[in-house]
């Protein structure tokens, strides 16, 4: 599938607040993410309580350690909502 990607203002703000090393790791992960957001190397999983809260399926991918990106699908568009520690799940 040809995915289109869009980051929310919150996502971009959070990304640029990360230390430079984590930003670089995120860029490497996004090279995989842009090809297939469900690639097994990303450990993509649903976040059930956020999905219930927002009324749509919210997914997360692992960037490194405790660093995650949360996103949802809208047709063939992948909307990245935020990047950060597990605290973004709240």
N, C-alpha and C. Protein backbone atom coordinates (compact mmCIF):
# COMPACT_ATOMS: atom_id res chain seq x y z
N UNK A 1 0.85 -1.18 0.00
CA UNK A 1 0.00 0.00 0.00
C UNK A 1 0.89 1.24 0.00
N UNK A 2 0.49 2.25 -0.70
CA UNK A 2 1.19 3.53 -0.69
C UNK A 2 0.64 4.38 0.44
N UNK A 3 1.45 4.58 1.47
CA UNK A 3 1.04 5.36 2.63
C UNK A 3 1.39 6.83 2.43
N UNK A 4 0.53 7.68 2.94
CA UNK A 4 0.82 9.12 3.06
C UNK A 4 1.03 9.39 4.54
N UNK A 5 1.93 10.26 4.86
CA UNK A 5 2.27 10.52 6.26
C UNK A 5 2.03 11.98 6.61
N UNK A 6 1.47 12.17 7.80
CA UNK A 6 1.23 13.52 8.30
C UNK A 6 1.50 13.52 9.79
N UNK A 7 2.28 14.46 10.24
CA UNK A 7 2.54 14.60 11.67
C UNK A 7 1.71 15.73 12.24
N UNK A 8 1.16 15.53 13.42
CA UNK A 8 0.43 16.59 14.09
C UNK A 8 1.43 17.61 14.64
N UNK A 9 0.99 18.83 14.92
CA UNK A 9 1.90 19.80 15.54
C UNK A 9 2.51 19.27 16.84
N UNK A 10 1.74 18.52 17.62
CA UNK A 10 2.26 17.94 18.87
C UNK A 10 3.40 16.99 18.57
N UNK A 11 3.25 16.17 17.53
CA UNK A 11 4.31 15.23 17.17
C UNK A 11 5.60 15.98 16.84
N UNK A 12 5.53 16.97 15.96
CA UNK A 12 6.73 17.70 15.55
C UNK A 12 7.38 18.42 16.72
N UNK A 13 6.57 19.00 17.58
CA UNK A 13 7.08 19.71 18.76
C UNK A 13 7.83 18.73 19.67
N UNK A 14 7.22 17.57 19.90
CA UNK A 14 7.84 16.56 20.77
C UNK A 14 9.11 16.00 20.15
N UNK A 15 9.09 15.77 18.83
CA UNK A 15 10.27 15.23 18.15
C UNK A 15 11.46 16.17 18.30
N UNK A 16 11.25 17.46 18.07
CA UNK A 16 12.36 18.40 18.14
C UNK A 16 12.81 18.72 19.56
N UNK A 17 12.03 18.31 20.54
CA UNK A 17 12.45 18.47 21.95
C UNK A 17 13.33 17.31 22.41
N UNK A 18 13.36 16.22 21.64
CA UNK A 18 14.18 15.06 22.02
C UNK A 18 15.66 15.41 21.90
N UNK A 19 16.50 14.72 22.68
CA UNK A 19 17.94 14.87 22.49
C UNK A 19 18.32 14.48 21.05
N UNK A 20 19.38 15.06 20.53
CA UNK A 20 19.78 14.82 19.14
C UNK A 20 19.98 13.34 18.83
N UNK A 21 20.53 12.58 19.77
CA UNK A 21 20.75 11.15 19.53
C UNK A 21 19.42 10.43 19.33
N UNK A 22 18.41 10.76 20.13
CA UNK A 22 17.09 10.13 19.96
C UNK A 22 16.42 10.60 18.68
N UNK A 23 16.63 11.85 18.28
CA UNK A 23 16.09 12.31 17.01
C UNK A 23 16.68 11.52 15.86
N UNK A 24 17.98 11.25 15.93
CA UNK A 24 18.64 10.47 14.87
C UNK A 24 18.11 9.04 14.84
N UNK A 25 17.93 8.43 16.01
CA UNK A 25 17.36 7.09 16.07
C UNK A 25 15.96 7.09 15.49
N UNK A 26 15.17 8.11 15.82
CA UNK A 26 13.81 8.21 15.28
C UNK A 26 13.85 8.32 13.75
N UNK A 27 14.78 9.07 13.21
CA UNK A 27 14.89 9.19 11.75
C UNK A 27 15.19 7.84 11.10
N UNK A 28 16.07 7.06 11.73
CA UNK A 28 16.38 5.73 11.19
C UNK A 28 15.15 4.82 11.24
N UNK A 29 14.42 4.89 12.34
CA UNK A 29 13.21 4.07 12.47
C UNK A 29 12.16 4.51 11.45
N UNK A 30 12.07 5.80 11.19
CA UNK A 30 11.08 6.30 10.23
C UNK A 30 11.36 5.82 8.81
N UNK A 31 12.61 5.48 8.51
CA UNK A 31 12.91 4.94 7.18
C UNK A 31 12.17 3.61 7.00
N UNK A 32 12.08 2.82 8.05
CA UNK A 32 11.32 1.56 8.02
C UNK A 32 9.83 1.87 8.07
N UNK A 33 9.45 2.77 8.98
CA UNK A 33 8.04 3.13 9.21
C UNK A 33 7.39 3.62 7.93
N UNK A 34 8.11 4.41 7.12
CA UNK A 34 7.55 4.97 5.90
C UNK A 34 7.28 3.91 4.84
N UNK A 35 8.01 2.82 4.89
CA UNK A 35 7.77 1.72 3.96
C UNK A 35 6.58 0.89 4.43
N UNK A 36 6.57 0.58 5.73
CA UNK A 36 5.49 -0.24 6.29
C UNK A 36 5.39 0.03 7.79
N UNK A 37 4.36 0.77 8.22
CA UNK A 37 4.22 1.06 9.65
C UNK A 37 3.97 -0.19 10.50
N UNK A 38 3.72 -1.32 9.86
CA UNK A 38 3.46 -2.56 10.60
C UNK A 38 4.60 -3.56 10.43
N UNK A 39 5.77 -3.09 10.01
CA UNK A 39 6.95 -3.94 9.89
C UNK A 39 7.24 -4.56 11.25
N UNK A 40 7.49 -5.87 11.32
CA UNK A 40 7.72 -6.53 12.61
C UNK A 40 8.88 -5.92 13.42
N UNK A 41 9.85 -5.33 12.77
CA UNK A 41 10.98 -4.73 13.50
C UNK A 41 10.55 -3.55 14.36
N UNK A 42 9.37 -2.98 14.07
CA UNK A 42 8.88 -1.82 14.81
C UNK A 42 8.05 -2.19 16.04
N UNK A 43 7.69 -3.47 16.14
CA UNK A 43 6.87 -3.94 17.27
C UNK A 43 5.59 -3.11 17.39
N UNK A 44 4.93 -2.88 16.26
CA UNK A 44 3.69 -2.10 16.25
C UNK A 44 2.62 -2.82 17.06
N UNK A 45 1.93 -2.08 17.89
CA UNK A 45 0.87 -2.66 18.72
C UNK A 45 -0.22 -1.62 18.95
N UNK A 46 -1.42 -2.12 19.28
CA UNK A 46 -2.54 -1.24 19.57
C UNK A 46 -2.45 -0.75 21.01
N UNK A 47 -2.90 0.46 21.22
CA UNK A 47 -3.01 1.03 22.57
C UNK A 47 -4.51 1.12 22.86
N UNK A 48 -5.02 0.12 23.54
CA UNK A 48 -6.45 -0.04 23.70
C UNK A 48 -7.13 1.11 24.44
N UNK A 49 -6.54 1.58 25.54
CA UNK A 49 -7.23 2.65 26.29
C UNK A 49 -7.23 3.97 25.51
N UNK A 50 -6.19 4.26 24.75
CA UNK A 50 -6.23 5.46 23.91
C UNK A 50 -7.22 5.29 22.77
N UNK A 51 -7.29 4.08 22.23
CA UNK A 51 -8.25 3.82 21.15
C UNK A 51 -9.67 4.06 21.64
N UNK A 52 -9.97 3.59 22.84
CA UNK A 52 -11.31 3.79 23.41
C UNK A 52 -11.57 5.27 23.65
N UNK A 53 -10.56 5.97 24.14
CA UNK A 53 -10.70 7.40 24.44
C UNK A 53 -10.95 8.23 23.18
N UNK A 54 -10.20 7.94 22.11
CA UNK A 54 -10.31 8.72 20.88
C UNK A 54 -11.33 8.18 19.88
N UNK A 55 -11.87 7.01 20.15
CA UNK A 55 -12.87 6.43 19.25
C UNK A 55 -12.30 5.99 17.92
N UNK A 56 -11.03 5.69 17.88
CA UNK A 56 -10.36 5.16 16.68
C UNK A 56 -9.19 4.32 17.17
N UNK A 57 -8.70 3.44 16.33
CA UNK A 57 -7.60 2.57 16.72
C UNK A 57 -6.29 3.35 16.71
N UNK A 58 -5.67 3.40 17.88
CA UNK A 58 -4.38 4.07 18.05
C UNK A 58 -3.30 3.00 18.17
N UNK A 59 -2.23 3.16 17.41
CA UNK A 59 -1.11 2.21 17.42
C UNK A 59 0.13 2.91 17.96
N UNK A 60 1.09 2.09 18.40
CA UNK A 60 2.38 2.60 18.82
C UNK A 60 3.47 1.76 18.19
N UNK A 61 4.60 2.39 17.90
CA UNK A 61 5.79 1.67 17.45
C UNK A 61 6.93 2.01 18.39
N UNK A 62 7.83 1.05 18.55
CA UNK A 62 8.98 1.25 19.43
C UNK A 62 10.11 1.90 18.63
N UNK A 63 10.63 3.00 19.14
CA UNK A 63 11.78 3.65 18.52
C UNK A 63 13.04 3.11 19.16
N UNK A 64 13.08 3.16 20.48
CA UNK A 64 14.19 2.60 21.27
C UNK A 64 13.76 2.57 22.72
N UNK A 65 14.28 1.66 23.48
CA UNK A 65 13.97 1.60 24.90
C UNK A 65 12.53 1.94 25.21
N UNK A 66 12.32 3.05 25.90
CA UNK A 66 10.99 3.49 26.31
C UNK A 66 10.41 4.55 25.35
N UNK A 67 11.07 4.80 24.24
CA UNK A 67 10.63 5.83 23.30
C UNK A 67 9.65 5.24 22.28
N UNK A 68 8.47 5.83 22.19
CA UNK A 68 7.42 5.33 21.31
C UNK A 68 6.85 6.45 20.44
N UNK A 69 6.30 6.06 19.30
CA UNK A 69 5.53 6.95 18.44
C UNK A 69 4.11 6.41 18.42
N UNK A 70 3.12 7.27 18.65
CA UNK A 70 1.73 6.84 18.53
C UNK A 70 1.15 7.44 17.27
N UNK A 71 0.29 6.64 16.61
CA UNK A 71 -0.28 7.06 15.34
C UNK A 71 -1.62 6.38 15.12
N UNK A 72 -2.37 6.88 14.15
CA UNK A 72 -3.59 6.23 13.71
C UNK A 72 -3.66 6.29 12.19
N UNK A 73 -4.52 5.47 11.63
CA UNK A 73 -4.71 5.42 10.18
C UNK A 73 -6.00 6.11 9.81
N UNK A 74 -5.96 6.81 8.71
CA UNK A 74 -7.14 7.47 8.16
C UNK A 74 -7.10 7.19 6.65
N UNK A 75 -7.74 6.11 6.23
CA UNK A 75 -7.61 5.66 4.85
C UNK A 75 -6.19 5.19 4.63
N UNK A 76 -5.50 5.75 3.62
CA UNK A 76 -4.11 5.39 3.39
C UNK A 76 -3.15 6.40 4.03
N UNK A 77 -3.67 7.26 4.88
CA UNK A 77 -2.84 8.23 5.59
C UNK A 77 -2.47 7.72 6.98
N UNK A 78 -1.21 7.90 7.32
CA UNK A 78 -0.72 7.57 8.66
C UNK A 78 -0.51 8.90 9.37
N UNK A 79 -1.26 9.11 10.45
CA UNK A 79 -1.19 10.36 11.21
C UNK A 79 -0.40 10.09 12.49
N UNK A 80 0.81 10.66 12.56
CA UNK A 80 1.61 10.50 13.78
C UNK A 80 1.14 11.55 14.78
N UNK A 81 0.79 11.09 15.96
CA UNK A 81 0.18 11.94 16.98
C UNK A 81 1.21 12.51 17.95
N UNK A 82 2.14 11.65 18.40
CA UNK A 82 3.11 12.10 19.39
C UNK A 82 4.27 11.13 19.42
N UNK A 83 5.38 11.56 20.01
CA UNK A 83 6.56 10.74 20.24
C UNK A 83 7.04 11.04 21.64
N UNK A 84 7.40 10.00 22.39
CA UNK A 84 7.87 10.19 23.75
C UNK A 84 7.89 8.88 24.51
N UNK A 85 8.05 8.97 25.81
CA UNK A 85 8.04 7.79 26.66
C UNK A 85 6.61 7.26 26.79
N UNK A 86 6.47 6.20 27.56
CA UNK A 86 5.13 5.64 27.78
C UNK A 86 4.16 6.66 28.37
N UNK A 87 4.67 7.76 28.90
CA UNK A 87 3.81 8.80 29.47
C UNK A 87 2.86 9.36 28.40
N UNK A 88 3.20 9.26 27.12
CA UNK A 88 2.31 9.77 26.06
C UNK A 88 1.04 8.92 25.94
N UNK A 89 1.04 7.75 26.57
CA UNK A 89 -0.16 6.90 26.52
C UNK A 89 -1.26 7.44 27.43
N UNK A 90 -0.93 8.36 28.32
CA UNK A 90 -1.91 8.88 29.29
C UNK A 90 -2.69 10.03 28.74
